[in-house]
């Protein structure tokens, strides 16, 4: 019974130490590893937020896809 107690205590200490050492390593990626920050824009039709480089420009507004770009054109709304 004493042996089981000490094994459980040893496992508990192992997992606590392992969790503490892993927790410090997760947030160590630098911004250069992630990439530069990019401006976000909102689709004028559905409200989806997406990176500006992936959006389609529409007279000062943005669309998330070609279908939404067609919906916002003046010909689509008489």
N, C-alpha and C. Protein backbone atom coordinates (compact mmCIF):
# COMPACT_ATOMS: atom_id res chain seq x y z
N UNK A 1 0.82 -1.19 0.00
CA UNK A 1 0.00 0.00 0.00
C UNK A 1 0.87 1.26 0.00
N UNK A 2 1.95 1.23 0.77
CA UNK A 2 2.86 2.36 0.81
C UNK A 2 3.52 2.57 -0.56
N UNK A 3 3.86 1.49 -1.23
CA UNK A 3 4.49 1.58 -2.54
C UNK A 3 3.55 2.28 -3.53
N UNK A 4 2.29 1.91 -3.53
CA UNK A 4 1.30 2.54 -4.40
C UNK A 4 1.18 4.03 -4.11
N UNK A 5 1.17 4.39 -2.84
CA UNK A 5 1.11 5.80 -2.44
C UNK A 5 2.28 6.57 -3.02
N UNK A 6 3.50 6.07 -2.89
CA UNK A 6 4.68 6.77 -3.38
C UNK A 6 4.73 6.82 -4.90
N UNK A 7 4.24 5.79 -5.56
CA UNK A 7 4.17 5.81 -7.02
C UNK A 7 3.20 6.90 -7.48
N UNK A 8 2.05 7.00 -6.83
CA UNK A 8 1.09 8.04 -7.17
C UNK A 8 1.64 9.45 -6.91
N UNK A 9 2.34 9.63 -5.81
CA UNK A 9 2.97 10.92 -5.51
C UNK A 9 4.02 11.24 -6.57
N UNK A 10 4.80 10.26 -6.97
CA UNK A 10 5.82 10.47 -8.01
C UNK A 10 5.20 10.86 -9.34
N UNK A 11 4.11 10.19 -9.72
CA UNK A 11 3.42 10.54 -10.96
C UNK A 11 2.83 11.95 -10.90
N UNK A 12 2.27 12.30 -9.77
CA UNK A 12 1.71 13.64 -9.61
C UNK A 12 2.79 14.70 -9.77
N UNK A 13 3.92 14.50 -9.13
CA UNK A 13 5.04 15.45 -9.24
C UNK A 13 5.53 15.51 -10.69
N UNK A 14 5.62 14.37 -11.35
CA UNK A 14 6.07 14.33 -12.75
C UNK A 14 5.16 15.16 -13.65
N UNK A 15 3.85 14.95 -13.54
CA UNK A 15 2.92 15.68 -14.39
C UNK A 15 2.86 17.17 -14.07
N UNK A 16 3.01 17.54 -12.83
CA UNK A 16 3.03 18.95 -12.46
C UNK A 16 4.26 19.62 -13.05
N UNK A 17 5.42 19.01 -12.92
CA UNK A 17 6.65 19.58 -13.46
C UNK A 17 6.58 19.62 -14.98
N UNK A 18 6.09 18.59 -15.59
CA UNK A 18 5.96 18.53 -17.05
C UNK A 18 5.00 19.63 -17.55
N UNK A 19 3.90 19.83 -16.87
CA UNK A 19 2.95 20.87 -17.25
C UNK A 19 3.54 22.26 -17.12
N UNK A 20 4.32 22.49 -16.08
CA UNK A 20 4.94 23.80 -15.89
C UNK A 20 5.98 24.09 -16.96
N UNK A 21 6.77 23.10 -17.35
CA UNK A 21 7.80 23.32 -18.35
C UNK A 21 7.19 23.47 -19.74
N UNK A 22 6.13 22.75 -20.04
CA UNK A 22 5.47 22.89 -21.34
C UNK A 22 4.73 24.21 -21.45
N UNK A 23 4.12 24.67 -20.38
CA UNK A 23 3.36 25.93 -20.40
C UNK A 23 4.23 27.11 -20.76
N UNK A 24 5.47 27.12 -20.35
CA UNK A 24 6.37 28.22 -20.66
C UNK A 24 6.86 28.20 -22.09
N UNK A 25 6.87 27.05 -22.73
CA UNK A 25 7.39 26.94 -24.08
C UNK A 25 6.35 27.27 -25.15
N UNK A 26 5.08 27.21 -24.86
CA UNK A 26 4.04 27.40 -25.87
C UNK A 26 3.98 28.83 -26.38
N UNK A 27 4.23 29.80 -25.55
CA UNK A 27 4.10 31.19 -25.96
C UNK A 27 5.39 31.82 -26.42
N UNK A 28 6.38 31.03 -26.82
CA UNK A 28 7.69 31.58 -27.16
C UNK A 28 7.86 31.84 -28.65
N UNK A 29 6.84 31.61 -29.49
CA UNK A 29 7.00 31.90 -30.92
C UNK A 29 7.02 33.41 -31.12
N UNK A 30 7.95 33.85 -31.92
CA UNK A 30 8.07 35.29 -32.17
C UNK A 30 7.12 35.70 -33.29
N UNK A 31 6.88 37.00 -33.41
CA UNK A 31 6.00 37.51 -34.46
C UNK A 31 6.55 37.18 -35.84
N UNK A 32 7.86 37.14 -35.99
CA UNK A 32 8.43 36.82 -37.30
C UNK A 32 8.13 35.39 -37.70
N UNK A 33 8.00 34.48 -36.74
CA UNK A 33 7.65 33.10 -37.05
C UNK A 33 6.19 32.99 -37.47
N UNK A 34 5.35 33.86 -36.95
CA UNK A 34 3.93 33.84 -37.27
C UNK A 34 3.68 34.58 -38.57
N UNK A 35 4.38 35.63 -38.80
CA UNK A 35 4.20 36.46 -39.98
C UNK A 35 3.74 37.85 -39.56
N UNK A 36 3.81 38.80 -40.46
CA UNK A 36 3.41 40.16 -40.12
C UNK A 36 1.90 40.25 -39.94
N UNK A 37 1.49 41.20 -39.13
CA UNK A 37 0.06 41.44 -38.93
C UNK A 37 -0.53 42.02 -40.20
N UNK A 38 -1.81 41.71 -40.43
CA UNK A 38 -2.46 42.18 -41.65
C UNK A 38 -3.78 42.84 -41.29
N UNK A 39 -4.14 43.88 -42.03
CA UNK A 39 -5.41 44.57 -41.80
C UNK A 39 -6.57 43.64 -42.14
N UNK A 40 -7.63 43.76 -41.36
CA UNK A 40 -8.84 42.98 -41.59
C UNK A 40 -9.93 43.91 -42.12
N UNK A 41 -10.79 43.39 -42.99
CA UNK A 41 -11.92 44.15 -43.52
C UNK A 41 -13.18 43.31 -43.36
N UNK A 42 -14.33 43.96 -43.46
CA UNK A 42 -15.62 43.29 -43.29
C UNK A 42 -16.36 43.24 -44.62
N UNK A 43 -16.92 42.09 -44.93
CA UNK A 43 -17.73 41.93 -46.14
C UNK A 43 -18.99 42.79 -46.00
N UNK A 44 -19.29 43.57 -47.04
CA UNK A 44 -20.46 44.46 -47.01
C UNK A 44 -21.77 43.68 -47.07
N UNK A 45 -21.75 42.41 -47.50
CA UNK A 45 -22.97 41.63 -47.65
C UNK A 45 -23.25 40.78 -46.41
N UNK A 46 -22.29 39.95 -46.02
CA UNK A 46 -22.54 39.00 -44.92
C UNK A 46 -21.90 39.40 -43.59
N UNK A 47 -20.98 40.37 -43.61
CA UNK A 47 -20.34 40.82 -42.38
C UNK A 47 -19.15 40.00 -41.94
N UNK A 48 -18.69 39.07 -42.77
CA UNK A 48 -17.53 38.24 -42.45
C UNK A 48 -16.27 39.09 -42.40
N UNK A 49 -15.44 38.91 -41.38
CA UNK A 49 -14.15 39.59 -41.30
C UNK A 49 -13.10 38.70 -41.94
N UNK A 50 -12.29 39.28 -42.83
CA UNK A 50 -11.27 38.51 -43.51
C UNK A 50 -10.06 39.41 -43.79
N UNK A 51 -8.89 38.80 -44.04
CA UNK A 51 -7.70 39.61 -44.34
C UNK A 51 -7.92 40.44 -45.60
N UNK A 52 -7.40 41.64 -45.60
CA UNK A 52 -7.57 42.56 -46.73
C UNK A 52 -7.03 41.97 -48.02
N UNK A 53 -5.97 41.18 -47.94
CA UNK A 53 -5.37 40.59 -49.14
C UNK A 53 -6.28 39.56 -49.79
N UNK A 54 -7.25 39.00 -49.06
CA UNK A 54 -8.16 38.01 -49.60
C UNK A 54 -9.51 38.60 -50.00
N UNK A 55 -9.75 39.87 -49.70
CA UNK A 55 -11.04 40.51 -49.97
C UNK A 55 -11.08 41.10 -51.37
N UNK A 56 -12.29 41.28 -51.88
CA UNK A 56 -12.50 41.90 -53.19
C UNK A 56 -12.99 43.33 -52.98
N UNK A 57 -12.31 44.35 -53.54
CA UNK A 57 -12.73 45.74 -53.32
C UNK A 57 -14.01 46.08 -54.08
N UNK A 58 -14.87 46.88 -53.43
CA UNK A 58 -16.15 47.31 -54.02
C UNK A 58 -16.41 48.77 -53.69
N UNK A 59 -15.97 49.69 -54.47
CA UNK A 59 -16.25 51.11 -54.26
C UNK A 59 -16.10 51.55 -52.81
N UNK A 60 -14.97 51.29 -52.23
CA UNK A 60 -14.71 51.69 -50.85
C UNK A 60 -15.18 50.68 -49.82
N UNK A 61 -15.86 49.63 -50.23
CA UNK A 61 -16.27 48.55 -49.33
C UNK A 61 -15.59 47.27 -49.80
N UNK A 62 -15.91 46.16 -49.14
CA UNK A 62 -15.23 44.90 -49.44
C UNK A 62 -16.24 43.76 -49.53
N UNK A 63 -15.87 42.73 -50.30
CA UNK A 63 -16.67 41.51 -50.40
C UNK A 63 -15.77 40.32 -50.12
N UNK A 64 -16.36 39.27 -49.57
CA UNK A 64 -15.57 38.09 -49.23
C UNK A 64 -15.46 37.10 -50.38
N UNK A 65 -16.37 37.19 -51.38
CA UNK A 65 -16.33 36.26 -52.50
C UNK A 65 -16.94 36.94 -53.73
N UNK A 66 -16.79 36.30 -54.89
CA UNK A 66 -17.30 36.87 -56.13
C UNK A 66 -18.83 36.99 -56.11
N UNK A 67 -19.50 36.04 -55.50
CA UNK A 67 -20.96 36.10 -55.43
C UNK A 67 -21.43 37.33 -54.66
N UNK A 68 -20.80 37.63 -53.55
CA UNK A 68 -21.17 38.81 -52.77
C UNK A 68 -20.76 40.09 -53.50
N UNK A 69 -19.69 40.03 -54.28
CA UNK A 69 -19.29 41.20 -55.07
C UNK A 69 -20.35 41.50 -56.12
N UNK A 70 -20.92 40.47 -56.75
CA UNK A 70 -21.99 40.67 -57.73
C UNK A 70 -23.25 41.21 -57.06
N UNK A 71 -23.54 40.78 -55.85
CA UNK A 71 -24.73 41.25 -55.14
C UNK A 71 -24.64 42.73 -54.81
N UNK A 72 -23.45 43.27 -54.61
CA UNK A 72 -23.26 44.67 -54.23
C UNK A 72 -23.11 45.60 -55.42
N UNK A 73 -23.03 45.07 -56.64
CA UNK A 73 -22.87 45.95 -57.80
C UNK A 73 -24.20 46.65 -58.10
N UNK A 74 -24.18 47.85 -58.68
CA UNK A 74 -25.40 48.60 -58.94
C UNK A 74 -26.37 47.85 -59.87
N UNK A 75 -25.85 47.01 -60.79
CA UNK A 75 -26.74 46.28 -61.70
C UNK A 75 -27.58 45.25 -60.95
N UNK A 76 -27.08 44.74 -59.85
CA UNK A 76 -27.80 43.73 -59.08
C UNK A 76 -28.92 44.35 -58.27
N UNK A 77 -28.80 45.65 -57.92
CA UNK A 77 -29.83 46.35 -57.15
C UNK A 77 -30.35 47.54 -57.95
N UNK A 78 -31.46 47.35 -58.73
CA UNK A 78 -31.97 48.47 -59.54
C UNK A 78 -32.56 49.58 -58.73
